[in-house]
Amino acid sequence: MRRIKLIEVRSELGAGTRGASLGVDALKVACLNKGSDYFRRFNSVAVPDQNHVLFDKNHFPYAKHIDAIYTVQKAIAGTVEQTLRFGEFPLVLAGDHSNAAATMAGIKAAYPHKTLGVVWIDAHADIHSPYTTPSGNVHGMPLAMALGADHLDLQRNQVEPETEFFWRRLKNLGEEGAKIIPEHLVYVVVRDTEVEEDTIIAQKGIKNFRLDEFRAKGPRQVAREIYQQLRFCDLVYISFDVDSLDSRFSKGTGTPVELGLDVPEAKALCRALLENERVVCFEMVEINPTLDSENTMAANAFDILEEATEAIQERLRLDTVAGR
């Protein structure tokens, strides 16, 4: 890879609270307020959204707006795939976290024979399916999509055939079948889960670095242990939801949760993770300035984004020198 490509995704169809579509622009305001030229330094592409359907009646109670989400996710996956095939590093700035499923699908479409590992930095496990969801919000389902999992043993909902049709399409987006396996998924500071998710995490043995463990070990040691867990993965994708931050620092997101990372911890973790040469994509999601005051969440997120980007650029420069 030679350079970073920004992929802007304003879709908020999967969220339960409106406003995440404004997250990319809130980051740009934070950039301007800081006097940075960040958004002038990189080429960017905006993926078309379908947010207008939010004004229409929802016909899918257990996967709200899943038909429009499928349309958006096809476009995201294609953009990520094309970016990787052009030798660029996709840095995705997205609305709600459901979009991450398409990012993973795009990575696998570009590298169908490579094994993908995922680092999920988030307050939430996001591993529900339409059969287990308590809310019907698809931003709680991207990892079930990527795992190709329905969790029918934990079923609570009788899902309509129309929802099942689009759910199958989403699970098979890009390359048909699962994009990852549970052993290649690592959680960081996940702490707000439902009973079904706790059961799935326990059954599958998915590692979660809780806050007390994270602070006892520090970000660099946690990064080392994450990469030890993912040692058999050819590629790594890092997904950063801003609600991984403690709710003191993350009012401007749809579902803030206490007992999370502070901003310096998040910056140090992202830097440590992004120094690894196997990372092929970084994504930041769920900034919602309508829930914020003085754009504080976006300002904090932009500081983290700058740190992450610097680590990516340093690694790309090293890769370029090594390749000569």
Protein backbone atom coordinates (compact mmCIF):
# COMPACT_ATOMS: atom_id res chain seq x y z
CA MET A 1 0.00 0.00 0.00
CA ARG A 2 1.24 3.45 -0.92
CA ARG A 3 -1.17 5.96 0.60
CA ILE A 4 -4.32 6.47 2.66
CA LYS A 5 -7.74 6.84 1.06
CA LEU A 6 -10.57 8.26 3.17
CA ILE A 7 -13.92 6.54 2.69
CA GLU A 8 -16.80 8.63 4.03
CA VAL A 9 -19.97 6.72 4.90
CA ARG A 10 -22.87 8.82 6.18
CA SER A 11 -25.39 6.00 6.49
CA GLU A 12 -27.12 5.86 9.89
CA LEU A 13 -29.82 3.36 8.95
CA GLY A 14 -28.66 0.82 11.53
CA ALA A 15 -28.70 3.15 14.53
CA GLY A 16 -31.49 3.53 17.05
CA THR A 17 -30.83 7.24 17.61
CA ARG A 18 -30.74 9.72 14.74
CA GLY A 19 -27.70 11.89 14.00
CA ALA A 20 -24.73 9.61 13.26
CA SER A 21 -24.93 10.63 9.60
CA LEU A 22 -23.47 13.98 10.74
CA GLY A 23 -20.41 12.40 12.33
CA VAL A 24 -18.06 12.83 9.35
CA ASP A 25 -18.93 16.51 9.10
CA ALA A 26 -18.51 16.94 12.86
CA LEU A 27 -14.97 15.57 12.45
CA LYS A 28 -14.37 18.14 9.72
CA VAL A 29 -15.57 20.92 12.02
CA ALA A 30 -13.20 19.65 14.74
CA CYS A 31 -10.41 19.62 12.16
CA LEU A 32 -11.11 23.25 11.21
CA ASN A 33 -11.33 24.32 14.84
CA LYS A 34 -7.94 22.73 15.49
CA GLY A 35 -6.41 24.52 12.50
CA SER A 36 -5.49 21.20 10.88
CA ASP A 37 -5.23 20.49 7.15
CA TYR A 38 -6.10 16.80 7.67
CA PHE A 39 -8.98 16.64 5.21
CA ARG A 40 -6.94 18.35 2.50
CA ARG A 41 -4.06 15.88 2.76
CA PHE A 42 -5.89 12.77 1.62
CA ASN A 43 -8.03 11.75 -1.32
CA SER A 44 -11.53 10.82 -0.25
CA VAL A 45 -14.66 9.22 -1.63
CA ALA A 46 -18.20 9.48 -0.24
CA VAL A 47 -20.35 6.35 -0.44
CA PRO A 48 -24.00 7.18 -1.30
CA ASP A 49 -26.37 6.69 1.61
CA GLN A 50 -30.07 5.85 1.75
CA ASN A 51 -30.91 7.93 4.81
CA HIS A 52 -34.02 9.31 3.13
CA VAL A 53 -35.78 6.01 3.87
CA LEU A 54 -35.79 6.96 7.55
CA PHE A 55 -38.80 9.11 6.66
CA ASP A 56 -40.63 6.02 5.38
CA LYS A 57 -42.40 3.34 7.37
CA ASN A 58 -40.09 0.53 8.48
CA HIS A 59 -41.29 -2.92 7.32
CA PHE A 60 -38.63 -5.02 9.08
CA PRO A 61 -39.16 -4.97 12.88
CA TYR A 62 -36.25 -7.32 13.65
CA ALA A 63 -33.76 -5.66 11.27
CA LYS A 64 -34.92 -2.11 10.68
CA HIS A 65 -34.44 -0.80 7.13
CA ILE A 66 -32.47 -3.92 6.18
CA ASP A 67 -33.41 -3.57 2.51
CA ALA A 68 -31.83 -0.11 2.24
CA ILE A 69 -28.92 -1.21 4.44
CA TYR A 70 -28.18 -3.95 1.92
CA THR A 71 -28.04 -1.37 -0.89
CA VAL A 72 -25.63 0.82 1.10
CA GLN A 73 -23.46 -2.09 2.17
CA LYS A 74 -23.00 -3.30 -1.40
CA ALA A 75 -21.60 0.12 -2.25
CA ILE A 76 -19.33 0.22 0.81
CA ALA A 77 -17.95 -3.25 0.14
CA GLY A 78 -17.25 -2.39 -3.48
CA THR A 79 -15.48 0.85 -2.51
CA VAL A 80 -13.30 -0.86 0.10
CA GLU A 81 -12.43 -3.66 -2.32
CA GLN A 82 -11.50 -1.22 -5.08
CA THR A 83 -9.41 0.89 -2.71
CA LEU A 84 -7.40 -2.14 -1.63
CA ARG A 85 -6.97 -3.38 -5.20
CA PHE A 86 -5.56 0.05 -6.12
CA GLY A 87 -2.93 -0.40 -3.43
CA GLU A 88 -4.38 2.18 -1.05
CA PHE A 89 -5.14 1.95 2.68
CA PRO A 90 -8.88 2.42 3.33
CA LEU A 91 -9.51 4.62 6.36
CA VAL A 92 -13.27 4.50 6.84
CA LEU A 93 -15.20 7.24 8.65
CA ALA A 94 -18.73 5.96 9.09
CA GLY A 95 -22.07 6.71 10.68
CA ASP A 96 -23.46 3.70 12.51
CA HIS A 97 -21.54 0.50 13.19
CA SER A 98 -23.63 -1.74 10.94
CA ASN A 99 -21.51 -0.41 8.07
CA ALA A 100 -18.51 -2.31 9.42
CA ALA A 101 -19.92 -5.58 8.08
CA ALA A 102 -19.56 -4.18 4.57
CA THR A 103 -15.99 -3.07 5.27
CA MET A 104 -15.08 -6.62 6.25
CA ALA A 105 -16.86 -7.96 3.16
CA GLY A 106 -14.85 -5.58 0.98
CA ILE A 107 -11.57 -6.67 2.54
CA LYS A 108 -12.39 -10.33 1.94
CA ALA A 109 -13.47 -9.60 -1.64
CA ALA A 110 -10.07 -8.01 -2.28
CA TYR A 111 -8.21 -10.84 -0.51
CA PRO A 112 -10.43 -13.93 -0.87
CA HIS A 113 -7.67 -16.37 0.05
CA LYS A 114 -6.37 -14.46 3.08
CA THR A 115 -7.41 -15.00 6.70
CA LEU A 116 -8.88 -11.90 8.35
CA GLY A 117 -8.58 -10.96 12.03
CA VAL A 118 -10.73 -8.27 13.65
CA VAL A 119 -10.05 -5.98 16.62
CA TRP A 120 -13.38 -4.57 17.84
CA ILE A 121 -12.90 -1.58 20.17
CA ASP A 122 -16.39 -0.84 21.42
CA ALA A 123 -18.68 -0.70 24.44
CA HIS A 124 -20.98 -3.21 22.69
CA ALA A 125 -20.52 -6.72 21.32
CA ASP A 126 -22.58 -6.10 18.14
CA ILE A 127 -23.02 -9.83 17.60
CA HIS A 128 -26.84 -10.11 17.59
CA SER A 129 -28.82 -11.42 14.63
CA PRO A 130 -32.43 -10.63 13.67
CA TYR A 131 -33.35 -13.78 15.60
CA THR A 132 -31.86 -12.55 18.90
CA THR A 133 -32.02 -8.74 18.75
CA PRO A 134 -33.99 -6.95 21.47
CA SER A 135 -34.19 -3.72 19.43
CA GLY A 136 -34.11 -4.53 15.73
CA ASN A 137 -31.29 -2.02 15.26
CA VAL A 138 -28.83 -3.43 12.72
CA HIS A 139 -25.84 -1.62 14.24
CA GLY A 140 -26.00 -4.39 16.86
CA MET A 141 -25.52 -7.09 14.18
CA PRO A 142 -22.38 -6.52 12.04
CA LEU A 143 -20.29 -9.23 13.65
CA ALA A 144 -23.05 -11.82 13.24
CA MET A 145 -23.08 -10.88 9.55
CA ALA A 146 -19.31 -11.28 9.31
CA LEU A 147 -19.43 -14.59 11.18
CA GLY A 148 -22.33 -15.82 9.05
CA ALA A 149 -24.15 -16.58 12.30
CA ASP A 150 -27.89 -16.67 13.06
CA HIS A 151 -27.64 -17.89 16.71
CA LEU A 152 -30.86 -19.87 16.31
CA ASP A 153 -30.18 -21.73 19.58
CA LEU A 154 -30.83 -18.38 21.31
CA GLN A 155 -33.75 -17.31 19.13
CA ARG A 156 -36.30 -14.91 20.64
CA ASN A 157 -37.90 -13.46 17.46
CA GLN A 158 -40.01 -15.00 14.72
CA VAL A 159 -38.41 -13.33 11.72
CA GLU A 160 -40.38 -12.63 8.53
CA PRO A 161 -39.23 -14.21 5.21
CA GLU A 162 -38.47 -10.77 3.74
CA THR A 163 -36.03 -10.03 6.56
CA GLU A 164 -34.45 -13.48 6.18
CA PHE A 165 -33.94 -12.80 2.46
CA PHE A 166 -31.94 -9.62 3.03
CA TRP A 167 -30.13 -11.10 6.03
CA ARG A 168 -28.84 -13.94 3.85
CA ARG A 169 -27.75 -11.39 1.25
CA LEU A 170 -25.81 -9.41 3.86
CA LYS A 171 -24.09 -12.53 5.24
CA ASN A 172 -22.98 -13.38 1.71
CA LEU A 173 -21.93 -9.88 0.66
CA GLY A 174 -18.69 -9.85 -1.33
CA GLU A 175 -17.25 -13.33 -1.02
CA GLU A 176 -19.95 -15.86 -0.18
CA GLY A 177 -19.90 -17.22 3.36
CA ALA A 178 -18.37 -16.12 6.67
CA LYS A 179 -15.66 -13.47 6.55
CA ILE A 180 -14.15 -14.31 9.95
CA ILE A 181 -14.24 -17.04 12.58
CA PRO A 182 -14.74 -16.44 16.33
CA GLU A 183 -11.11 -17.30 17.13
CA HIS A 184 -10.02 -14.38 14.97
CA LEU A 185 -12.16 -11.77 16.75
CA VAL A 186 -10.88 -9.81 19.75
CA TYR A 187 -12.92 -7.35 21.78
CA VAL A 188 -11.51 -4.37 23.68
CA VAL A 189 -13.53 -2.79 26.55
CA VAL A 190 -16.85 -4.36 25.54
CA ARG A 191 -19.05 -3.86 28.62
CA ASP A 192 -22.71 -3.30 27.69
CA THR A 193 -24.17 -6.60 26.49
CA GLU A 194 -27.38 -8.61 26.54
CA VAL A 195 -27.74 -12.15 27.91
CA GLU A 196 -27.70 -13.65 24.41
CA GLU A 197 -24.44 -11.89 23.59
CA ASP A 198 -22.84 -13.01 26.86
CA THR A 199 -23.80 -16.58 25.97
CA ILE A 200 -22.37 -16.29 22.45
CA ILE A 201 -19.11 -14.79 23.73
CA ALA A 202 -18.76 -17.57 26.32
CA GLN A 203 -19.69 -20.36 23.89
CA LYS A 204 -17.28 -19.14 21.22
CA GLY A 205 -14.49 -18.26 23.64
CA ILE A 206 -14.13 -14.73 22.25
CA LYS A 207 -11.48 -12.75 24.12
CA ASN A 208 -12.55 -9.42 25.65
CA PHE A 209 -9.97 -7.12 27.24
CA ARG A 210 -12.05 -5.45 29.93
CA LEU A 211 -11.02 -2.08 31.30
CA ASP A 212 -9.37 -3.37 34.48
CA GLU A 213 -7.24 -5.82 32.46
CA PHE A 214 -6.45 -3.14 29.89
CA ARG A 215 -5.23 -0.73 32.56
CA ALA A 216 -3.27 -3.39 34.43
CA LYS A 217 -1.37 -4.37 31.29
CA GLY A 218 -1.26 -1.09 29.37
CA PRO A 219 -2.02 -0.50 25.67
CA ARG A 220 1.26 -1.89 24.27
CA GLN A 221 1.02 -5.16 26.16
CA VAL A 222 -2.65 -5.50 25.20
CA ALA A 223 -1.69 -4.93 21.55
CA ARG A 224 1.00 -7.62 21.82
CA GLU A 225 -1.51 -10.08 23.27
CA ILE A 226 -4.07 -9.22 20.60
CA TYR A 227 -1.56 -10.01 17.87
CA GLN A 228 -0.59 -13.21 19.63
CA GLN A 229 -4.29 -14.19 19.51
CA LEU A 230 -4.40 -13.23 15.81
CA ARG A 231 -1.05 -14.83 14.93
CA PHE A 232 -2.61 -17.08 12.28
CA CYS A 233 -4.34 -14.17 10.50
CA ASP A 234 -2.84 -12.79 7.30
CA LEU A 235 -4.70 -9.47 7.57
CA VAL A 236 -6.17 -7.39 10.40
CA TYR A 237 -9.04 -4.89 10.43
CA ILE A 238 -9.45 -2.48 13.36
CA SER A 239 -12.90 -1.07 14.13
CA PHE A 240 -13.08 1.82 16.61
CA ASP A 241 -16.49 2.84 17.96
CA VAL A 242 -16.27 6.11 19.86
CA ASP A 243 -18.48 4.70 22.63
CA SER A 244 -15.44 2.64 23.64
CA LEU A 245 -14.52 5.88 25.40
CA ASP A 246 -15.87 6.45 28.88
CA SER A 247 -19.20 8.29 28.86
CA ARG A 248 -17.45 11.32 30.41
CA PHE A 249 -15.73 11.77 27.04
CA SER A 250 -18.41 10.38 24.72
CA LYS A 251 -21.70 12.20 25.21
CA GLY A 252 -21.88 12.73 21.46
CA THR A 253 -22.68 9.13 20.54
CA GLY A 254 -25.91 7.17 20.45
CA THR A 255 -25.16 4.77 23.32
CA PRO A 256 -22.53 6.16 25.75
CA VAL A 257 -21.40 3.75 28.48
CA GLU A 258 -19.40 4.45 31.62
CA LEU A 259 -16.15 2.69 32.55
CA GLY A 260 -14.45 3.02 29.17
CA LEU A 261 -11.16 4.30 27.80
CA ASP A 262 -9.96 7.85 28.21
CA VAL A 263 -8.65 9.73 25.17
CA PRO A 264 -4.90 9.16 25.84
CA GLU A 265 -5.54 5.43 26.31
CA ALA A 266 -7.45 5.26 23.04
CA LYS A 267 -4.70 7.11 21.20
CA ALA A 268 -1.99 4.85 22.62
CA LEU A 269 -3.96 1.70 21.80
CA CYS A 270 -4.68 2.73 18.22
CA ARG A 271 -1.04 3.65 17.66
CA ALA A 272 0.21 0.35 19.08
CA LEU A 273 -2.24 -1.66 16.98
CA LEU A 274 -1.66 0.26 13.75
CA GLU A 275 2.09 -0.20 13.84
CA ASN A 276 1.54 -3.83 12.85
CA GLU A 277 2.20 -4.48 9.17
CA ARG A 278 -0.82 -6.81 8.81
CA VAL A 279 -3.38 -4.05 9.40
CA VAL A 280 -5.10 -3.25 6.10
CA CYS A 281 -8.02 -1.06 7.26
CA PHE A 282 -9.05 1.22 10.14
CA GLU A 283 -12.60 2.40 10.75
CA MET A 284 -14.10 4.99 13.14
CA VAL A 285 -17.85 5.09 13.76
CA GLU A 286 -20.86 6.39 15.74
CA ILE A 287 -20.04 10.08 16.28
CA ASN A 288 -23.36 11.87 16.80
CA PRO A 289 -23.03 15.64 17.24
CA THR A 290 -26.79 16.10 17.82
CA LEU A 291 -26.30 14.53 21.26
CA ASP A 292 -23.23 16.61 22.10
CA SER A 293 -22.32 20.08 23.29
CA GLU A 294 -19.57 22.16 21.63
CA ASN A 295 -18.65 19.20 19.36
CA THR A 296 -16.64 17.64 22.20
CA MET A 297 -17.01 14.05 21.02
CA ALA A 298 -15.82 14.85 17.51
CA ALA A 299 -12.90 16.88 18.88
CA ASN A 300 -11.80 13.91 21.02
CA ALA A 301 -12.36 11.52 18.12
CA PHE A 302 -10.37 13.75 15.77
CA ASP A 303 -7.39 13.67 18.16
CA ILE A 304 -7.58 9.86 18.11
CA LEU A 305 -7.97 9.87 14.32
CA GLU A 306 -4.86 12.03 13.87
CA GLU A 307 -2.83 9.69 16.10
CA ALA A 308 -4.08 6.63 14.22
CA THR A 309 -3.38 8.23 10.85
CA GLU A 310 0.14 9.17 11.85
CA ALA A 311 0.83 5.56 12.85
CA ILE A 312 -0.56 4.31 9.51
CA GLN A 313 1.55 6.80 7.54
CA GLU A 314 4.73 5.89 9.41
CA ARG A 315 4.13 2.23 8.66
CA LEU A 316 3.35 2.87 4.98
CA ARG A 317 6.60 4.85 4.69
CA LEU A 318 8.52 1.96 6.24
CA ASP A 319 6.82 -0.48 3.89
CA THR A 320 7.78 1.70 0.92
CA VAL A 321 11.44 1.88 2.01
CA ALA A 322 11.54 -1.88 2.66
CA GLY A 323 10.06 -2.54 -0.77
CA ARG A 324 12.74 -0.63 -2.64
